[in-house]
Amino acid sequence: MAHDVAVTDRGVGFGVLFSILALVGAAAMLVAPGQLPKAGGFALAVVAGLFAVVTMQAYA
């Protein structure tokens, strides 16, 4: 008897979630007044982009 393997779309969902967070960070980098909020937006964009790639690869 063959066992079916459950396929999940979790990697795609997390990838999309972190991609949206990366876009929010990039937008914050563009519209934030002052250097410190721009740096925070950049950090959010970089970390969220990293997590987006990692989750897509981890659940592939």
N, C-alpha and C. Protein backbone atom coordinates (compact mmCIF):
# COMPACT_ATOMS: atom_id res chain seq x y z
N MET A 1 0.84 -1.16 0.00
CA MET A 1 0.00 0.00 0.00
C MET A 1 0.89 1.25 0.00
N ALA A 2 0.66 2.13 -0.91
CA ALA A 2 1.47 3.34 -1.03
C ALA A 2 0.96 4.41 -0.07
N HIS A 3 1.90 5.12 0.47
CA HIS A 3 1.55 6.22 1.38
C HIS A 3 1.68 7.53 0.62
N ASP A 4 0.65 8.34 0.70
CA ASP A 4 0.70 9.65 0.06
C ASP A 4 1.48 10.61 0.94
N VAL A 5 2.27 11.42 0.30
CA VAL A 5 3.05 12.42 1.02
C VAL A 5 2.25 13.73 1.03
N ALA A 6 2.09 14.29 2.21
CA ALA A 6 1.36 15.56 2.32
C ALA A 6 2.26 16.69 1.82
N VAL A 7 1.74 17.46 0.91
CA VAL A 7 2.47 18.60 0.35
C VAL A 7 1.92 19.86 0.98
N THR A 8 2.82 20.73 1.41
CA THR A 8 2.40 21.96 2.05
C THR A 8 2.86 23.17 1.24
N ASP A 9 2.10 24.22 1.33
CA ASP A 9 2.47 25.50 0.69
C ASP A 9 3.01 26.48 1.71
N ARG A 10 3.47 25.95 2.83
CA ARG A 10 3.95 26.80 3.91
C ARG A 10 5.13 27.65 3.46
N GLY A 11 6.03 27.10 2.66
CA GLY A 11 7.19 27.87 2.19
C GLY A 11 6.78 29.05 1.35
N VAL A 12 5.78 28.86 0.51
CA VAL A 12 5.31 29.96 -0.33
C VAL A 12 4.62 31.02 0.53
N GLY A 13 3.83 30.57 1.49
CA GLY A 13 3.12 31.53 2.36
C GLY A 13 4.08 32.36 3.18
N PHE A 14 5.07 31.70 3.80
CA PHE A 14 6.06 32.44 4.57
C PHE A 14 6.91 33.33 3.66
N GLY A 15 7.22 32.84 2.47
CA GLY A 15 7.99 33.65 1.52
C GLY A 15 7.26 34.92 1.13
N VAL A 16 5.97 34.79 0.88
CA VAL A 16 5.17 35.97 0.53
C VAL A 16 5.06 36.92 1.72
N LEU A 17 4.85 36.35 2.91
CA LEU A 17 4.75 37.18 4.12
C LEU A 17 6.03 38.00 4.33
N PHE A 18 7.18 37.34 4.25
CA PHE A 18 8.43 38.06 4.47
C PHE A 18 8.76 38.99 3.32
N SER A 19 8.30 38.69 2.11
CA SER A 19 8.48 39.62 0.99
C SER A 19 7.68 40.89 1.20
N ILE A 20 6.48 40.75 1.73
CA ILE A 20 5.66 41.93 2.04
C ILE A 20 6.33 42.76 3.14
N LEU A 21 6.88 42.08 4.15
CA LEU A 21 7.60 42.81 5.19
C LEU A 21 8.83 43.53 4.62
N ALA A 22 9.49 42.91 3.66
CA ALA A 22 10.63 43.56 3.02
C ALA A 22 10.19 44.80 2.26
N LEU A 23 9.05 44.73 1.60
CA LEU A 23 8.52 45.91 0.91
C LEU A 23 8.14 47.02 1.89
N VAL A 24 7.59 46.64 3.03
CA VAL A 24 7.26 47.64 4.06
C VAL A 24 8.53 48.31 4.56
N GLY A 25 9.57 47.52 4.77
CA GLY A 25 10.84 48.09 5.21
C GLY A 25 11.44 49.02 4.16
N ALA A 26 11.34 48.65 2.90
CA ALA A 26 11.85 49.51 1.83
C ALA A 26 11.05 50.81 1.74
N ALA A 27 9.73 50.71 1.91
CA ALA A 27 8.90 51.91 1.89
C ALA A 27 9.23 52.81 3.08
N ALA A 28 9.46 52.20 4.24
CA ALA A 28 9.83 52.99 5.42
C ALA A 28 11.17 53.68 5.19
N MET A 29 12.05 53.02 4.49
CA MET A 29 13.35 53.61 4.19
C MET A 29 13.19 54.84 3.30
N LEU A 30 12.20 54.82 2.42
CA LEU A 30 12.00 55.95 1.51
C LEU A 30 11.29 57.12 2.15
N VAL A 31 10.31 56.86 3.01
CA VAL A 31 9.46 57.95 3.50
C VAL A 31 9.78 58.39 4.92
N ALA A 32 10.62 57.67 5.63
CA ALA A 32 10.89 58.01 7.02
C ALA A 32 11.74 59.28 7.12
N PRO A 33 11.39 60.14 8.06
CA PRO A 33 12.23 61.33 8.26
C PRO A 33 13.39 60.97 9.21
N GLY A 34 14.56 61.38 8.87
CA GLY A 34 15.71 61.13 9.75
C GLY A 34 16.47 59.87 9.37
N GLN A 35 17.68 59.81 9.86
CA GLN A 35 18.57 58.73 9.50
C GLN A 35 18.27 57.43 10.24
N LEU A 36 17.93 57.51 11.51
CA LEU A 36 17.71 56.30 12.30
C LEU A 36 16.48 55.50 11.82
N PRO A 37 15.34 56.13 11.54
CA PRO A 37 14.22 55.36 10.99
C PRO A 37 14.52 54.77 9.61
N LYS A 38 15.30 55.48 8.81
CA LYS A 38 15.69 54.94 7.51
C LYS A 38 16.57 53.71 7.68
N ALA A 39 17.47 53.75 8.66
CA ALA A 39 18.31 52.59 8.95
C ALA A 39 17.47 51.42 9.45
N GLY A 40 16.46 51.70 10.25
CA GLY A 40 15.55 50.64 10.71
C GLY A 40 14.78 50.02 9.56
N GLY A 41 14.33 50.85 8.63
CA GLY A 41 13.64 50.34 7.45
C GLY A 41 14.55 49.48 6.59
N PHE A 42 15.80 49.90 6.46
CA PHE A 42 16.77 49.11 5.70
C PHE A 42 17.03 47.77 6.37
N ALA A 43 17.19 47.79 7.68
CA ALA A 43 17.42 46.54 8.42
C ALA A 43 16.24 45.60 8.29
N LEU A 44 15.03 46.13 8.39
CA LEU A 44 13.83 45.31 8.22
C LEU A 44 13.77 44.72 6.83
N ALA A 45 14.08 45.51 5.82
CA ALA A 45 14.04 45.02 4.44
C ALA A 45 15.07 43.92 4.21
N VAL A 46 16.26 44.09 4.73
CA VAL A 46 17.31 43.09 4.52
C VAL A 46 16.99 41.79 5.25
N VAL A 47 16.60 41.89 6.52
CA VAL A 47 16.30 40.68 7.31
C VAL A 47 15.08 39.96 6.76
N ALA A 48 14.03 40.70 6.41
CA ALA A 48 12.83 40.07 5.87
C ALA A 48 13.12 39.43 4.51
N GLY A 49 13.94 40.07 3.69
CA GLY A 49 14.33 39.48 2.41
C GLY A 49 15.12 38.20 2.61
N LEU A 50 16.00 38.20 3.58
CA LEU A 50 16.77 37.00 3.90
C LEU A 50 15.84 35.87 4.34
N PHE A 51 14.91 36.18 5.24
CA PHE A 51 13.96 35.15 5.71
C PHE A 51 13.06 34.67 4.58
N ALA A 52 12.71 35.55 3.65
CA ALA A 52 11.87 35.13 2.53
C ALA A 52 12.57 34.08 1.68
N VAL A 53 13.84 34.30 1.41
CA VAL A 53 14.61 33.34 0.61
C VAL A 53 14.82 32.05 1.38
N VAL A 54 15.14 32.15 2.66
CA VAL A 54 15.41 30.96 3.47
C VAL A 54 14.16 30.10 3.61
N THR A 55 13.01 30.71 3.85
CA THR A 55 11.80 29.91 4.02
C THR A 55 11.38 29.25 2.71
N MET A 56 11.58 29.93 1.59
CA MET A 56 11.26 29.29 0.31
C MET A 56 12.14 28.07 0.08
N GLN A 57 13.42 28.19 0.44
CA GLN A 57 14.34 27.07 0.23
C GLN A 57 14.14 25.96 1.27
N ALA A 58 13.82 26.33 2.49
CA ALA A 58 13.70 25.33 3.55
C ALA A 58 12.49 24.42 3.35
N TYR A 59 11.41 24.96 2.83
CA TYR A 59 10.20 24.17 2.65
C TYR A 59 10.07 23.60 1.24
N ALA A 60 11.11 23.77 0.42
CA ALA A 60 11.05 23.26 -0.96
C ALA A 60 11.27 21.75 -1.00
